[in-house]
Amino acid sequence: MRYCASLVLGLFLTTIATAEDKPAFDAKKLEGEWTYVSGKRAGDDANKESLQGKVTITKDMITVPAGPDMKFIMAYKVDAKTNPVSIDIEIKDGPVKEGKAAGIIALDGDTLKLCYTAMGKRPTKFESTKENGEFYFVLKRAK
């Protein structure tokens, strides 16, 4: 009986240590310039022209090129306590002057994944299908 109790306690402590070893999402690591690797909208690949230029992220704003002389400027907030990490985006300026989106975001080294929807529920997975109508982008940190 004592052996079983020790085994259960050991497994419990190992689980806690493993959960604590996972680094927390650090929103500061989003800051910088990013280039597109791929993009999808409602399951369809984004055209190459819309994936040109660099995305710039500061501590509270995202600037996205939207053509030769246009750009979107958006405020964002990240909630690192959710799993996956959630992001709320609000357009502040650009070809469209207003709009909000709810999304999820992940950062793995120099790879950034962003999935969001302008309407409806926040995504729960990093995918874009005809059924969910979501946007899904993968970016790499610019060198």
Foldseek 3Di string as FASTA:
>chain_A
DVVVVVVVVVVVVVVVVVVVPPDFDDLQVVAAKKAFPWKDFQQHTDDPVLRDDIWGDDSFWIWGDDDDPWIWIWGKDWDRVDVQIKMKIWTCDTPDHTFIKIEGWDDDPFKIKIKIDRDDDYDNDQDHHNVVRIMITIIGHDD
